[in-house]
């Protein structure tokens, strides 16, 4: 793959992670750059590793990954989105009590859910015989940058929209899951 194709692929792979990061940033109480960088690093590492896993799987069992990837992403993103909607609708905590950061495991699960498509790309790259390490590095770096910016954009949106931002974020995550499912199951 040439530079332009690698750059386009890395940007495409990071768009759903960016949308999820905006939602995560909106759900936090004034996230700082440190939290944005932490989130970007978690997402970037996961998004960079999944094409390698897909590449390895693609060399062994491509049909199995391709048959279930969209369902896995749909279920994970819908579950996380439902939790965010529930939190956005609850009257238990005042808006000022938003968390300062998300748990590592919640970020890792969200990062994994948004990176399933990168795993499938890895399968395709194995079939093409492309340089997986360079492509995975480009995807990881692009995701790191996009997610870091997304968290900080979410900060602004969260301040403007308040608790509705968490509700909207949950709906967006479910929408991303539905879109992934639709794209992979349409005739």
N, C-alpha and C. Protein backbone atom coordinates (compact mmCIF):
# COMPACT_ATOMS: atom_id res chain seq x y z
N UNK A 1 0.85 -1.19 0.00
CA UNK A 1 0.00 0.00 0.00
C UNK A 1 0.88 1.24 0.00
N UNK A 2 0.47 2.25 -0.76
CA UNK A 2 1.25 3.48 -0.80
C UNK A 2 0.88 4.39 0.38
N UNK A 3 1.59 5.51 0.49
CA UNK A 3 1.39 6.42 1.62
C UNK A 3 -0.03 6.96 1.67
N UNK A 4 -0.57 7.37 0.53
CA UNK A 4 -1.93 7.95 0.50
C UNK A 4 -2.96 6.92 0.95
N UNK A 5 -2.83 5.69 0.49
CA UNK A 5 -3.79 4.65 0.88
C UNK A 5 -3.68 4.35 2.37
N UNK A 6 -2.46 4.31 2.89
CA UNK A 6 -2.26 4.06 4.33
C UNK A 6 -2.84 5.20 5.16
N UNK A 7 -2.61 6.44 4.73
CA UNK A 7 -3.14 7.60 5.46
C UNK A 7 -4.66 7.60 5.43
N UNK A 8 -5.25 7.34 4.28
CA UNK A 8 -6.71 7.31 4.17
C UNK A 8 -7.30 6.19 5.04
N UNK A 9 -6.67 5.04 5.01
CA UNK A 9 -7.14 3.91 5.81
C UNK A 9 -7.04 4.23 7.30
N UNK A 10 -5.94 4.83 7.72
CA UNK A 10 -5.77 5.14 9.15
C UNK A 10 -6.80 6.17 9.62
N UNK A 11 -7.10 7.14 8.78
CA UNK A 11 -8.14 8.12 9.14
C UNK A 11 -9.52 7.47 9.20
N UNK A 12 -9.81 6.62 8.23
CA UNK A 12 -11.10 5.94 8.22
C UNK A 12 -11.28 5.06 9.45
N UNK A 13 -10.22 4.40 9.87
CA UNK A 13 -10.30 3.50 11.02
C UNK A 13 -10.47 4.27 12.33
N UNK A 14 -10.09 5.54 12.35
CA UNK A 14 -10.15 6.29 13.60
C UNK A 14 -11.42 7.12 13.76
N UNK A 15 -12.30 7.15 12.77
CA UNK A 15 -13.47 8.02 12.85
C UNK A 15 -14.48 7.58 13.91
N UNK A 16 -14.74 6.28 14.02
CA UNK A 16 -15.71 5.85 15.03
C UNK A 16 -15.12 6.01 16.43
N UNK A 17 -13.81 5.82 16.57
CA UNK A 17 -13.16 6.06 17.86
C UNK A 17 -13.25 7.55 18.23
N UNK A 18 -13.12 8.42 17.23
CA UNK A 18 -13.26 9.86 17.46
C UNK A 18 -14.65 10.19 17.99
N UNK A 19 -15.68 9.63 17.36
CA UNK A 19 -17.06 9.88 17.80
C UNK A 19 -17.26 9.39 19.23
N UNK A 20 -16.73 8.22 19.54
CA UNK A 20 -16.85 7.68 20.90
C UNK A 20 -16.10 8.57 21.89
N UNK A 21 -14.96 9.10 21.48
CA UNK A 21 -14.17 9.96 22.37
C UNK A 21 -14.87 11.27 22.66
N UNK A 22 -15.57 11.81 21.69
CA UNK A 22 -16.35 13.03 21.92
C UNK A 22 -17.40 12.74 23.00
N UNK A 23 -18.04 11.59 22.89
CA UNK A 23 -19.04 11.19 23.89
C UNK A 23 -18.39 11.02 25.26
N UNK A 24 -17.24 10.40 25.30
CA UNK A 24 -16.54 10.18 26.58
C UNK A 24 -16.14 11.51 27.20
N UNK A 25 -15.65 12.43 26.39
CA UNK A 25 -15.26 13.74 26.90
C UNK A 25 -16.44 14.52 27.43
N UNK A 26 -17.59 14.40 26.75
CA UNK A 26 -18.79 15.11 27.18
C UNK A 26 -19.32 14.56 28.49
N UNK A 27 -19.05 13.29 28.78
CA UNK A 27 -19.56 12.66 30.00
C UNK A 27 -18.69 12.98 31.22
N UNK A 28 -17.54 13.61 31.01
CA UNK A 28 -16.63 13.91 32.12
C UNK A 28 -16.80 15.35 32.60
N UNK A 29 -16.36 15.58 33.81
CA UNK A 29 -16.37 16.93 34.39
C UNK A 29 -15.07 17.63 33.98
N UNK A 30 -15.15 18.51 33.02
CA UNK A 30 -14.01 19.29 32.54
C UNK A 30 -12.75 18.44 32.36
N UNK A 31 -12.75 17.52 31.41
CA UNK A 31 -11.55 16.69 31.22
C UNK A 31 -10.33 17.55 30.85
N UNK A 32 -9.22 17.20 31.42
CA UNK A 32 -7.96 17.90 31.18
C UNK A 32 -7.19 17.19 30.06
N UNK A 33 -6.13 17.82 29.59
CA UNK A 33 -5.32 17.23 28.54
C UNK A 33 -4.74 15.89 28.95
N UNK A 34 -4.42 15.75 30.22
CA UNK A 34 -3.86 14.47 30.69
C UNK A 34 -4.85 13.33 30.46
N UNK A 35 -6.13 13.56 30.78
CA UNK A 35 -7.16 12.53 30.56
C UNK A 35 -7.37 12.30 29.07
N UNK A 36 -7.33 13.37 28.27
CA UNK A 36 -7.49 13.23 26.82
C UNK A 36 -6.34 12.40 26.23
N UNK A 37 -5.12 12.66 26.68
CA UNK A 37 -3.96 11.90 26.20
C UNK A 37 -4.04 10.45 26.65
N UNK A 38 -4.48 10.23 27.90
CA UNK A 38 -4.63 8.86 28.42
C UNK A 38 -5.65 8.09 27.58
N UNK A 39 -6.78 8.72 27.32
CA UNK A 39 -7.82 8.08 26.51
C UNK A 39 -7.32 7.82 25.10
N UNK A 40 -6.64 8.81 24.53
CA UNK A 40 -6.07 8.64 23.19
C UNK A 40 -5.07 7.51 23.13
N UNK A 41 -4.25 7.38 24.17
CA UNK A 41 -3.26 6.31 24.20
C UNK A 41 -3.93 4.94 24.28
N UNK A 42 -4.93 4.81 25.14
CA UNK A 42 -5.64 3.52 25.27
C UNK A 42 -6.29 3.14 23.95
N UNK A 43 -7.04 4.07 23.36
CA UNK A 43 -7.70 3.80 22.09
C UNK A 43 -6.67 3.53 20.98
N UNK A 44 -5.61 4.35 20.94
CA UNK A 44 -4.62 4.21 19.88
C UNK A 44 -3.90 2.87 19.93
N UNK A 45 -3.54 2.43 21.13
CA UNK A 45 -2.86 1.14 21.26
C UNK A 45 -3.80 0.01 20.82
N UNK A 46 -5.03 0.05 21.30
CA UNK A 46 -5.98 -1.00 20.93
C UNK A 46 -6.24 -0.99 19.43
N UNK A 47 -6.47 0.21 18.90
CA UNK A 47 -6.77 0.33 17.46
C UNK A 47 -5.55 -0.06 16.62
N UNK A 48 -4.36 0.13 17.14
CA UNK A 48 -3.15 -0.27 16.42
C UNK A 48 -2.88 -1.77 16.51
N UNK A 49 -3.29 -2.40 17.60
CA UNK A 49 -3.06 -3.84 17.76
C UNK A 49 -4.10 -4.69 17.04
N UNK A 50 -5.33 -4.23 16.95
CA UNK A 50 -6.36 -5.08 16.35
C UNK A 50 -6.13 -5.42 14.88
N UNK A 51 -5.55 -4.53 14.06
CA UNK A 51 -5.26 -4.98 12.69
C UNK A 51 -4.20 -6.10 12.66
N UNK A 52 -3.29 -6.06 13.62
CA UNK A 52 -2.28 -7.11 13.69
C UNK A 52 -2.94 -8.43 14.06
N UNK A 53 -3.85 -8.37 15.05
CA UNK A 53 -4.60 -9.58 15.41
C UNK A 53 -5.41 -10.07 14.21
N UNK A 54 -6.08 -9.15 13.53
CA UNK A 54 -6.84 -9.51 12.34
C UNK A 54 -5.96 -10.11 11.27
N UNK A 55 -4.77 -9.56 11.11
CA UNK A 55 -3.83 -10.06 10.12
C UNK A 55 -3.44 -11.50 10.46
N UNK A 56 -3.16 -11.75 11.74
CA UNK A 56 -2.80 -13.10 12.17
C UNK A 56 -3.98 -14.06 11.99
N UNK A 57 -5.17 -13.60 12.38
CA UNK A 57 -6.36 -14.42 12.22
C UNK A 57 -6.65 -14.64 10.74
N UNK A 58 -6.44 -13.60 9.95
CA UNK A 58 -6.69 -13.69 8.51
C UNK A 58 -5.83 -14.74 7.85
N UNK A 59 -4.69 -14.97 8.41
CA UNK A 59 -3.82 -16.01 7.86
C UNK A 59 -4.32 -17.39 8.22
N UNK A 60 -5.24 -17.47 9.21
CA UNK A 60 -5.71 -18.78 9.66
C UNK A 60 -7.22 -18.97 9.41
N UNK A 61 -8.02 -18.00 9.85
CA UNK A 61 -9.47 -18.24 9.87
C UNK A 61 -10.28 -16.99 9.51
N UNK A 62 -10.01 -16.40 8.39
CA UNK A 62 -10.70 -15.17 7.98
C UNK A 62 -12.22 -15.27 7.98
N UNK A 63 -12.82 -16.34 7.50
CA UNK A 63 -14.28 -16.37 7.45
C UNK A 63 -14.96 -16.25 8.82
N UNK A 64 -14.32 -16.74 9.87
CA UNK A 64 -14.93 -16.69 11.19
C UNK A 64 -14.99 -15.27 11.74
N UNK A 65 -13.94 -14.50 11.55
CA UNK A 65 -13.92 -13.12 12.03
C UNK A 65 -14.91 -12.27 11.24
N UNK A 66 -14.88 -12.42 9.94
CA UNK A 66 -15.75 -11.62 9.08
C UNK A 66 -17.22 -11.91 9.34
N UNK A 67 -17.55 -13.11 9.75
CA UNK A 67 -18.94 -13.48 9.97
C UNK A 67 -19.52 -12.87 11.24
N UNK A 68 -18.71 -12.53 12.22
CA UNK A 68 -19.22 -12.08 13.52
C UNK A 68 -18.78 -10.69 13.94
N UNK A 69 -17.87 -10.06 13.24
CA UNK A 69 -17.31 -8.79 13.70
C UNK A 69 -18.36 -7.71 13.92
N UNK A 70 -19.28 -7.58 13.02
CA UNK A 70 -20.30 -6.53 13.12
C UNK A 70 -21.25 -6.78 14.29
N UNK A 71 -21.53 -8.03 14.60
CA UNK A 71 -22.40 -8.34 15.74
C UNK A 71 -21.71 -8.01 17.06
N UNK A 72 -20.42 -8.32 17.14
CA UNK A 72 -19.66 -8.02 18.36
C UNK A 72 -19.64 -6.51 18.59
N UNK A 73 -19.31 -5.75 17.55
CA UNK A 73 -19.27 -4.29 17.67
C UNK A 73 -20.64 -3.74 18.04
N UNK A 74 -21.69 -4.24 17.42
CA UNK A 74 -23.05 -3.77 17.71
C UNK A 74 -23.42 -3.99 19.17
N UNK A 75 -23.18 -5.19 19.68
CA UNK A 75 -23.55 -5.51 21.06
C UNK A 75 -22.74 -4.66 22.05
N UNK A 76 -21.43 -4.56 21.84
CA UNK A 76 -20.59 -3.80 22.77
C UNK A 76 -20.96 -2.32 22.77
N UNK A 77 -21.08 -1.73 21.60
CA UNK A 77 -21.40 -0.30 21.52
C UNK A 77 -22.81 -0.02 22.05
N UNK A 78 -23.75 -0.90 21.77
CA UNK A 78 -25.11 -0.71 22.28
C UNK A 78 -25.15 -0.80 23.80
N UNK A 79 -24.41 -1.74 24.37
CA UNK A 79 -24.39 -1.88 25.83
C UNK A 79 -23.78 -0.65 26.49
N UNK A 80 -22.67 -0.17 25.96
CA UNK A 80 -22.03 1.02 26.52
C UNK A 80 -22.94 2.23 26.33
N UNK A 81 -23.56 2.34 25.15
CA UNK A 81 -24.49 3.43 24.88
C UNK A 81 -25.68 3.41 25.83
N UNK A 82 -26.21 2.21 26.09
CA UNK A 82 -27.35 2.09 27.02
C UNK A 82 -26.96 2.54 28.42
N UNK A 83 -25.74 2.20 28.85
CA UNK A 83 -25.28 2.66 30.17
C UNK A 83 -25.19 4.17 30.22
N UNK A 84 -24.71 4.78 29.13
CA UNK A 84 -24.60 6.24 29.09
C UNK A 84 -25.98 6.89 29.08
N UNK A 85 -26.93 6.30 28.35
CA UNK A 85 -28.29 6.84 28.32
C UNK A 85 -28.91 6.75 29.71
N UNK A 86 -28.73 5.62 30.37
CA UNK A 86 -29.27 5.47 31.72
C UNK A 86 -28.69 6.52 32.65
N UNK A 87 -27.38 6.75 32.55
CA UNK A 87 -26.75 7.77 33.39
C UNK A 87 -27.26 9.16 33.02
N UNK A 88 -27.50 9.41 31.74
CA UNK A 88 -27.99 10.70 31.31
C UNK A 88 -29.41 10.97 31.74
N UNK A 89 -30.20 9.92 31.89
CA UNK A 89 -31.60 10.07 32.30
C UNK A 89 -31.78 10.06 33.81
N UNK A 90 -30.79 9.59 34.54
CA UNK A 90 -30.94 9.48 36.00
C UNK A 90 -30.87 10.85 36.64
N UNK A 91 -31.62 11.00 37.70
CA UNK A 91 -31.61 12.24 38.46
C UNK A 91 -30.80 12.09 39.73
N UNK A 92 -30.09 10.98 39.86
CA UNK A 92 -29.38 10.67 41.10
C UNK A 92 -28.28 11.67 41.41
N UNK A 93 -27.46 11.96 40.42
CA UNK A 93 -26.29 12.81 40.67
C UNK A 93 -26.46 14.14 39.98
N UNK A 94 -26.18 15.22 40.66
CA UNK A 94 -26.20 16.52 39.99
C UNK A 94 -25.10 16.60 38.93
N UNK A 95 -25.28 17.50 38.01
CA UNK A 95 -24.35 17.61 36.90
C UNK A 95 -22.91 17.84 37.35
N UNK A 96 -22.71 18.52 38.47
CA UNK A 96 -21.37 18.83 38.93
C UNK A 96 -20.62 17.58 39.39
N UNK A 97 -21.32 16.46 39.58
CA UNK A 97 -20.67 15.26 40.07
C UNK A 97 -20.24 14.31 38.96
N UNK A 98 -20.02 14.82 37.78
CA UNK A 98 -19.49 13.99 36.70
C UNK A 98 -18.11 13.51 37.11
N UNK A 99 -17.71 12.33 36.65
CA UNK A 99 -16.38 11.85 37.01
C UNK A 99 -15.28 12.67 36.34
N UNK A 100 -14.09 12.66 36.95
CA UNK A 100 -12.93 13.34 36.37
C UNK A 100 -12.30 12.50 35.26
N UNK A 101 -12.48 11.18 35.35
CA UNK A 101 -11.92 10.29 34.34
C UNK A 101 -12.77 9.03 34.25
N UNK A 102 -12.60 8.30 33.17
CA UNK A 102 -13.27 7.02 32.99
C UNK A 102 -12.30 5.91 33.41
N UNK A 103 -12.85 4.78 33.82
CA UNK A 103 -12.00 3.66 34.21
C UNK A 103 -11.26 3.13 32.99
N UNK A 104 -10.11 2.56 33.25
CA UNK A 104 -9.33 1.96 32.17
C UNK A 104 -10.16 0.93 31.42
N UNK A 105 -10.89 0.09 32.16
CA UNK A 105 -11.63 -1.01 31.54
C UNK A 105 -12.77 -0.50 30.66
N UNK A 106 -13.45 0.56 31.07
CA UNK A 106 -14.50 1.12 30.24
C UNK A 106 -13.91 1.69 28.95
N UNK A 107 -12.79 2.38 29.07
CA UNK A 107 -12.14 2.92 27.88
C UNK A 107 -11.63 1.80 26.98
N UNK A 108 -11.05 0.76 27.58
CA UNK A 108 -10.53 -0.36 26.79
C UNK A 108 -11.67 -1.08 26.06
N UNK A 109 -12.78 -1.28 26.75
CA UNK A 109 -13.93 -1.95 26.12
C UNK A 109 -14.47 -1.10 24.98
N UNK A 110 -14.60 0.20 25.20
CA UNK A 110 -15.08 1.08 24.14
C UNK A 110 -14.08 1.11 22.98
N UNK A 111 -12.79 1.18 23.31
CA UNK A 111 -11.76 1.15 22.28
C UNK A 111 -11.80 -0.13 21.46
N UNK A 112 -12.00 -1.25 22.14
CA UNK A 112 -12.10 -2.53 21.43
C UNK A 112 -13.33 -2.55 20.53
N UNK A 113 -14.45 -2.08 21.06
CA UNK A 113 -15.69 -2.10 20.28
C UNK A 113 -15.56 -1.26 19.01
N UNK A 114 -14.85 -0.13 19.10
CA UNK A 114 -14.71 0.71 17.91
C UNK A 114 -13.58 0.25 17.01
N UNK A 115 -12.81 -0.76 17.43
CA UNK A 115 -11.68 -1.21 16.61
C UNK A 115 -11.93 -2.55 15.92
N UNK A 116 -13.11 -3.10 16.06
CA UNK A 116 -13.40 -4.39 15.41
C UNK A 116 -13.23 -4.27 13.91
N UNK A 117 -13.62 -3.13 13.34
CA UNK A 117 -13.45 -2.96 11.91
C UNK A 117 -11.98 -2.96 11.51
N UNK A 118 -11.12 -2.47 12.39
CA UNK A 118 -9.68 -2.51 12.10
C UNK A 118 -9.17 -3.95 12.09
N UNK A 119 -9.78 -4.80 12.90
CA UNK A 119 -9.40 -6.20 12.89
C UNK A 119 -9.74 -6.83 11.54
N UNK A 120 -10.91 -6.48 11.03
CA UNK A 120 -11.32 -7.01 9.72
C UNK A 120 -10.40 -6.47 8.63
N UNK A 121 -10.00 -5.21 8.75
CA UNK A 121 -9.05 -4.64 7.79
C UNK A 121 -7.75 -5.44 7.82
N UNK A 122 -7.33 -5.83 9.03
CA UNK A 122 -6.13 -6.66 9.16
C UNK A 122 -6.26 -7.96 8.40
N UNK A 123 -7.46 -8.56 8.43
CA UNK A 123 -7.70 -9.79 7.67
C UNK A 123 -7.48 -9.52 6.19
N UNK A 124 -8.06 -8.42 5.71
CA UNK A 124 -7.89 -8.05 4.30
C UNK A 124 -6.44 -7.77 3.94
N UNK A 125 -5.72 -7.14 4.86
CA UNK A 125 -4.31 -6.84 4.61
C UNK A 125 -3.49 -8.13 4.52
N UNK A 126 -3.87 -9.13 5.30
CA UNK A 126 -3.17 -10.42 5.22
C UNK A 126 -3.37 -11.04 3.84
N UNK A 127 -4.56 -10.94 3.33
CA UNK A 127 -4.85 -11.50 2.01
C UNK A 127 -4.08 -10.74 0.93
N UNK A 128 -3.97 -9.40 1.10
CA UNK A 128 -3.25 -8.55 0.13
C UNK A 128 -1.74 -8.69 0.25
N UNK A 129 -1.27 -9.17 1.40
CA UNK A 129 0.17 -9.25 1.63
C UNK A 129 0.79 -7.89 1.94
N UNK A 130 -0.01 -6.99 2.52
CA UNK A 130 0.47 -5.64 2.84
C UNK A 130 1.36 -5.65 4.08
N UNK A 131 2.14 -4.58 4.26
CA UNK A 131 3.00 -4.42 5.42
C UNK A 131 2.14 -4.07 6.63
N UNK A 132 1.86 -5.04 7.47
CA UNK A 132 0.92 -4.86 8.57
C UNK A 132 1.48 -3.92 9.64
N UNK A 133 2.76 -3.97 9.89
CA UNK A 133 3.32 -3.16 10.98
C UNK A 133 3.22 -1.67 10.68
N UNK A 134 3.57 -1.27 9.48
CA UNK A 134 3.48 0.14 9.11
C UNK A 134 2.02 0.61 9.13
N UNK A 135 1.13 -0.19 8.59
CA UNK A 135 -0.29 0.16 8.56
C UNK A 135 -0.86 0.23 9.97
N UNK A 136 -0.54 -0.74 10.82
CA UNK A 136 -1.03 -0.76 12.20
C UNK A 136 -0.51 0.45 12.97
N UNK A 137 0.75 0.80 12.75
CA UNK A 137 1.32 1.98 13.41
C UNK A 137 0.58 3.25 12.97
N UNK A 138 0.32 3.37 11.68
CA UNK A 138 -0.40 4.54 11.17
C UNK A 138 -1.81 4.61 11.75
N UNK A 139 -2.50 3.48 11.84
CA UNK A 139 -3.85 3.45 12.42
C UNK A 139 -3.80 3.84 13.90
N UNK A 140 -2.83 3.30 14.62
CA UNK A 140 -2.71 3.61 16.04
C UNK A 140 -2.41 5.08 16.31
N UNK A 141 -1.49 5.65 15.55
CA UNK A 141 -1.14 7.07 15.73
C UNK A 141 -2.31 7.97 15.34
N UNK A 142 -2.95 7.67 14.23
CA UNK A 142 -4.10 8.45 13.80
C UNK A 142 -5.21 8.41 14.85
N UNK A 143 -5.46 7.23 15.39
CA UNK A 143 -6.50 7.09 16.41
C UNK A 143 -6.12 7.85 17.67
N UNK A 144 -4.87 7.77 18.09
CA UNK A 144 -4.40 8.52 19.26
C UNK A 144 -4.70 10.00 19.10
N UNK A 145 -4.35 10.56 17.96
CA UNK A 145 -4.55 11.99 17.71
C UNK A 145 -6.04 12.33 17.67
N UNK A 146 -6.80 11.55 16.92
CA UNK A 146 -8.23 11.83 16.77
C UNK A 146 -8.98 11.69 18.10
N UNK A 147 -8.65 10.68 18.89
CA UNK A 147 -9.34 10.47 20.17
C UNK A 147 -8.97 11.56 21.16
N UNK A 148 -7.71 11.95 21.20
CA UNK A 148 -7.30 13.02 22.10
C UNK A 148 -8.06 14.30 21.77
N UNK A 149 -8.15 14.62 20.48
CA UNK A 149 -8.92 15.81 20.07
C UNK A 149 -10.40 15.62 20.38
N UNK A 150 -10.91 14.41 20.21
CA UNK A 150 -12.32 14.14 20.46
C UNK A 150 -12.71 14.34 21.91
N UNK A 151 -11.85 13.92 22.84
CA UNK A 151 -12.14 14.11 24.26
C UNK A 151 -12.21 15.60 24.58
N UNK A 152 -11.29 16.37 24.05
CA UNK A 152 -11.29 17.81 24.33
C UNK A 152 -12.48 18.51 23.65
N UNK A 153 -12.87 18.05 22.48
CA UNK A 153 -14.09 18.58 21.86
C UNK A 153 -15.31 18.20 22.70
N UNK A 154 -15.31 16.99 23.22
CA UNK A 154 -16.39 16.56 24.11
C UNK A 154 -16.49 17.41 25.35
N UNK A 155 -15.35 17.90 25.82
CA UNK A 155 -15.34 18.79 26.99
C UNK A 155 -16.19 20.03 26.70
N UNK A 156 -15.97 20.63 25.55
CA UNK A 156 -16.72 21.83 25.17
C UNK A 156 -18.20 21.49 25.01
N UNK A 157 -18.49 20.40 24.33
CA UNK A 157 -19.89 20.00 24.13
C UNK A 157 -20.55 19.66 25.46
N UNK A 158 -19.80 19.02 26.36
CA UNK A 158 -20.34 18.67 27.67
C UNK A 158 -20.68 19.89 28.49
N UNK A 159 -19.86 20.93 28.42
CA UNK A 159 -20.14 22.16 29.15
C UNK A 159 -21.38 22.86 28.61
N UNK A 160 -21.55 22.77 27.29
CA UNK A 160 -22.69 23.43 26.66
C UNK A 160 -23.97 22.64 26.91
N UNK A 161 -23.92 21.34 26.73
CA UNK A 161 -25.13 20.53 26.77
C UNK A 161 -25.43 19.90 28.12
N UNK A 162 -24.44 19.84 29.01
CA UNK A 162 -24.67 19.26 30.33
C UNK A 162 -25.00 17.79 30.26
N UNK A 163 -25.97 17.36 31.06
CA UNK A 163 -26.34 15.94 31.16
C UNK A 163 -26.90 15.41 29.84
N UNK A 164 -27.47 16.29 29.03
CA UNK A 164 -27.97 15.85 27.73
C UNK A 164 -26.85 15.34 26.85
N UNK A 165 -25.61 15.80 27.07
CA UNK A 165 -24.49 15.33 26.27
C UNK A 165 -24.25 13.84 26.49
N UNK A 166 -24.40 13.38 27.73
CA UNK A 166 -24.22 11.96 28.01
C UNK A 166 -25.33 11.15 27.35
N UNK A 167 -26.54 11.65 27.39
CA UNK A 167 -27.66 11.00 26.73
C UNK A 167 -27.41 10.93 25.22
N UNK A 168 -27.00 12.05 24.64
CA UNK A 168 -26.70 12.09 23.20
C UNK A 168 -25.53 11.18 22.87
N UNK A 169 -24.53 11.16 23.73
CA UNK A 169 -23.38 10.29 23.51
C UNK A 169 -23.77 8.83 23.47
N UNK A 170 -24.65 8.43 24.38
CA UNK A 170 -25.13 7.05 24.38
C UNK A 170 -25.88 6.72 23.11
N UNK A 171 -26.72 7.66 22.67
CA UNK A 171 -27.45 7.45 21.42
C UNK A 171 -26.50 7.36 20.22
N UNK A 172 -25.45 8.18 20.24
CA UNK A 172 -24.48 8.14 19.15
C UNK A 172 -23.75 6.80 19.12
N UNK A 173 -23.34 6.29 20.29
CA UNK A 173 -22.67 4.99 20.32
C UNK A 173 -23.58 3.88 19.80
N UNK A 174 -24.83 3.90 20.21
CA UNK A 174 -25.77 2.91 19.70
C UNK A 174 -25.94 3.09 18.19
N UNK A 175 -25.98 4.34 17.74
CA UNK A 175 -26.08 4.61 16.31
C UNK A 175 -24.88 4.08 15.54
N UNK A 176 -23.68 4.24 16.10
CA UNK A 176 -22.48 3.70 15.44
C UNK A 176 -22.59 2.19 15.35
N UNK A 177 -23.03 1.54 16.44
CA UNK A 177 -23.20 0.09 16.43
C UNK A 177 -24.21 -0.34 15.38
N UNK A 178 -25.33 0.37 15.29
CA UNK A 178 -26.35 0.05 14.29
C UNK A 178 -25.82 0.26 12.87
N UNK A 179 -25.05 1.32 12.67
CA UNK A 179 -24.47 1.59 11.35
C UNK A 179 -23.50 0.48 10.94
N UNK A 180 -22.66 0.06 11.88
CA UNK A 180 -21.73 -1.04 11.59
C UNK A 180 -22.51 -2.30 11.21
N UNK A 181 -23.56 -2.59 11.99
CA UNK A 181 -24.38 -3.77 11.71
C UNK A 181 -25.05 -3.65 10.35
N UNK A 182 -25.61 -2.48 10.06
CA UNK A 182 -26.27 -2.27 8.76
C UNK A 182 -25.30 -2.43 7.60
N UNK A 183 -24.12 -1.82 7.71
CA UNK A 183 -23.15 -1.89 6.62
C UNK A 183 -22.71 -3.31 6.33
N UNK A 184 -22.70 -4.15 7.35
CA UNK A 184 -22.22 -5.52 7.16
C UNK A 184 -23.32 -6.52 6.85
N UNK A 185 -24.59 -6.12 7.01
CA UNK A 185 -25.67 -7.08 6.76
C UNK A 185 -26.55 -6.69 5.58
N UNK A 186 -26.35 -5.54 5.00
CA UNK A 186 -27.19 -5.15 3.87
C UNK A 186 -26.83 -6.03 2.66
N UNK A 187 -27.83 -6.23 1.79
CA UNK A 187 -27.59 -7.11 0.64
C UNK A 187 -26.67 -6.49 -0.38
